[in-house]
Amino acid sequence: MLLLGRRIPHEHLVAGLAATLRVGALTADAVALEARKAQEADDADTTLPEPEPRRREPTVTFLTVRRLAHLPPDNRPLPSPAPYDQLLGRRTRGTTAASKGEQMP
């Protein structure tokens, strides 16, 4: 009984003692059981406050998206790779670097 006071609050221990005296069960196990029941009942009685309704958090707008949304439309034509094709030398079949006698790395 003395050790129960270390683990169970005083008011729950007193409630356990009172409950066992009413029924006539005068053992330490019965007192511990009733004290734990009183503690669980007390914990169940303390209801948690209802959570606040979820607030709708503002959405995050990224700076790049915001800037792109405010740009005027781009009416330029799409780039063409045709001028770059002229920079490449025209090769015929069999005129690769390996066929000209150069060594591959």
Protein backbone atom coordinates (compact mmCIF):
# COMPACT_ATOMS: atom_id res chain seq x y z
CA MET A 1 0.00 0.00 0.00
CA LEU A 2 2.80 2.41 0.78
CA LEU A 3 4.40 1.83 -2.62
CA LEU A 4 1.14 2.65 -4.41
CA GLY A 5 1.44 6.24 -3.20
CA ARG A 6 4.59 6.62 -5.30
CA ARG A 7 2.88 5.76 -8.58
CA ILE A 8 -0.75 6.75 -8.06
CA PRO A 9 -1.92 10.26 -7.11
CA HIS A 10 -3.26 10.69 -3.57
CA GLU A 11 -6.89 11.38 -4.55
CA HIS A 12 -7.06 8.22 -6.65
CA LEU A 13 -5.54 6.15 -3.85
CA VAL A 14 -8.10 7.48 -1.38
CA ALA A 15 -10.89 6.67 -3.86
CA GLY A 16 -9.50 3.13 -4.21
CA LEU A 17 -9.38 2.68 -0.42
CA ALA A 18 -12.96 3.93 -0.06
CA ALA A 19 -14.20 1.59 -2.80
CA THR A 20 -12.54 -1.48 -1.26
CA LEU A 21 -13.85 -0.63 2.21
CA ARG A 22 -17.41 -0.43 0.86
CA VAL A 23 -17.23 -3.95 -0.57
CA GLY A 24 -15.12 -5.42 2.24
CA ALA A 25 -12.10 -6.42 0.11
CA LEU A 26 -9.18 -5.35 2.27
CA THR A 27 -6.21 -6.44 0.15
CA ALA A 28 -3.51 -4.28 -1.43
CA ASP A 29 -4.30 -5.71 -4.86
CA ALA A 30 -7.95 -4.68 -4.59
CA VAL A 31 -6.96 -1.17 -3.48
CA ALA A 32 -4.50 -0.88 -6.40
CA LEU A 33 -7.15 -2.08 -8.84
CA GLU A 34 -9.78 0.34 -7.58
CA ALA A 35 -7.28 3.22 -7.48
CA ARG A 36 -6.33 2.57 -11.10
CA LYS A 37 -10.01 2.43 -12.05
CA ALA A 38 -10.52 5.80 -10.35
CA GLN A 39 -7.52 7.20 -12.20
CA GLU A 40 -8.80 5.94 -15.58
CA ALA A 41 -12.27 7.31 -14.88
CA ASP A 42 -10.79 10.66 -13.93
CA ASP A 43 -8.68 10.71 -17.10
CA ALA A 44 -11.73 9.82 -19.20
CA ASP A 45 -13.78 12.61 -17.60
CA THR A 46 -11.31 15.26 -18.61
CA THR A 47 -12.41 15.81 -22.15
CA LEU A 48 -10.14 17.57 -24.53
CA PRO A 49 -11.43 20.81 -25.94
CA GLU A 50 -12.75 20.39 -29.43
CA PRO A 51 -10.21 21.42 -32.00
CA GLU A 52 -10.84 24.65 -33.80
CA PRO A 53 -12.20 24.28 -37.30
CA ARG A 54 -9.42 24.09 -39.80
CA ARG A 55 -8.70 27.43 -41.27
CA ARG A 56 -8.08 27.58 -44.92
CA GLU A 57 -4.48 28.59 -45.23
CA PRO A 58 -3.57 30.94 -48.02
CA THR A 59 -2.04 29.28 -51.01
CA VAL A 60 1.57 29.97 -51.81
CA THR A 61 2.22 31.63 -55.15
CA PHE A 62 5.75 31.28 -56.36
CA LEU A 63 7.37 34.45 -57.61
CA THR A 64 8.25 32.96 -61.01
CA VAL A 65 4.65 31.88 -61.62
CA ARG A 66 3.40 35.30 -60.62
CA ARG A 67 5.84 37.04 -62.95
CA LEU A 68 4.96 34.76 -65.85
CA ALA A 69 1.26 35.39 -65.31
CA HIS A 70 1.78 39.14 -65.74
CA LEU A 71 3.90 38.97 -68.90
CA PRO A 72 2.40 39.97 -72.25
CA PRO A 73 1.92 37.14 -74.75
CA ASP A 74 4.96 36.22 -76.85
CA ASN A 75 4.06 36.48 -80.56
CA ARG A 76 7.52 35.76 -81.96
CA PRO A 77 7.86 32.77 -84.31
CA LEU A 78 9.48 29.62 -82.97
CA PRO A 79 13.21 29.34 -83.74
CA SER A 80 14.23 27.18 -86.67
CA PRO A 81 17.36 24.99 -86.78
CA ALA A 82 17.69 25.52 -90.59
CA PRO A 83 20.42 28.21 -90.42
CA TYR A 84 22.50 25.98 -88.17
CA ASP A 85 22.33 23.13 -90.66
CA GLN A 86 24.37 25.26 -93.07
CA LEU A 87 27.19 25.47 -90.53
CA LEU A 88 27.56 21.70 -90.56
CA GLY A 89 29.55 20.40 -93.46
CA ARG A 90 27.64 18.16 -95.77
CA ARG A 91 28.94 14.64 -95.43
CA THR A 92 28.34 11.87 -97.83
CA ARG A 93 28.25 8.23 -96.92
CA GLY A 94 31.62 6.81 -96.01
CA THR A 95 33.25 10.15 -95.25
CA THR A 96 33.24 9.84 -91.49
CA ALA A 97 36.34 10.55 -89.45
CA ALA A 98 37.15 6.85 -89.15
CA SER A 99 37.01 6.28 -92.90
CA LYS A 100 39.38 9.17 -93.59
CA GLY A 101 42.12 7.44 -91.64
CA GLU A 102 41.82 9.37 -88.41
CA GLN A 103 42.05 7.38 -85.24
CA MET A 104 39.14 7.27 -82.85
CA PRO A 105 40.01 8.07 -79.22
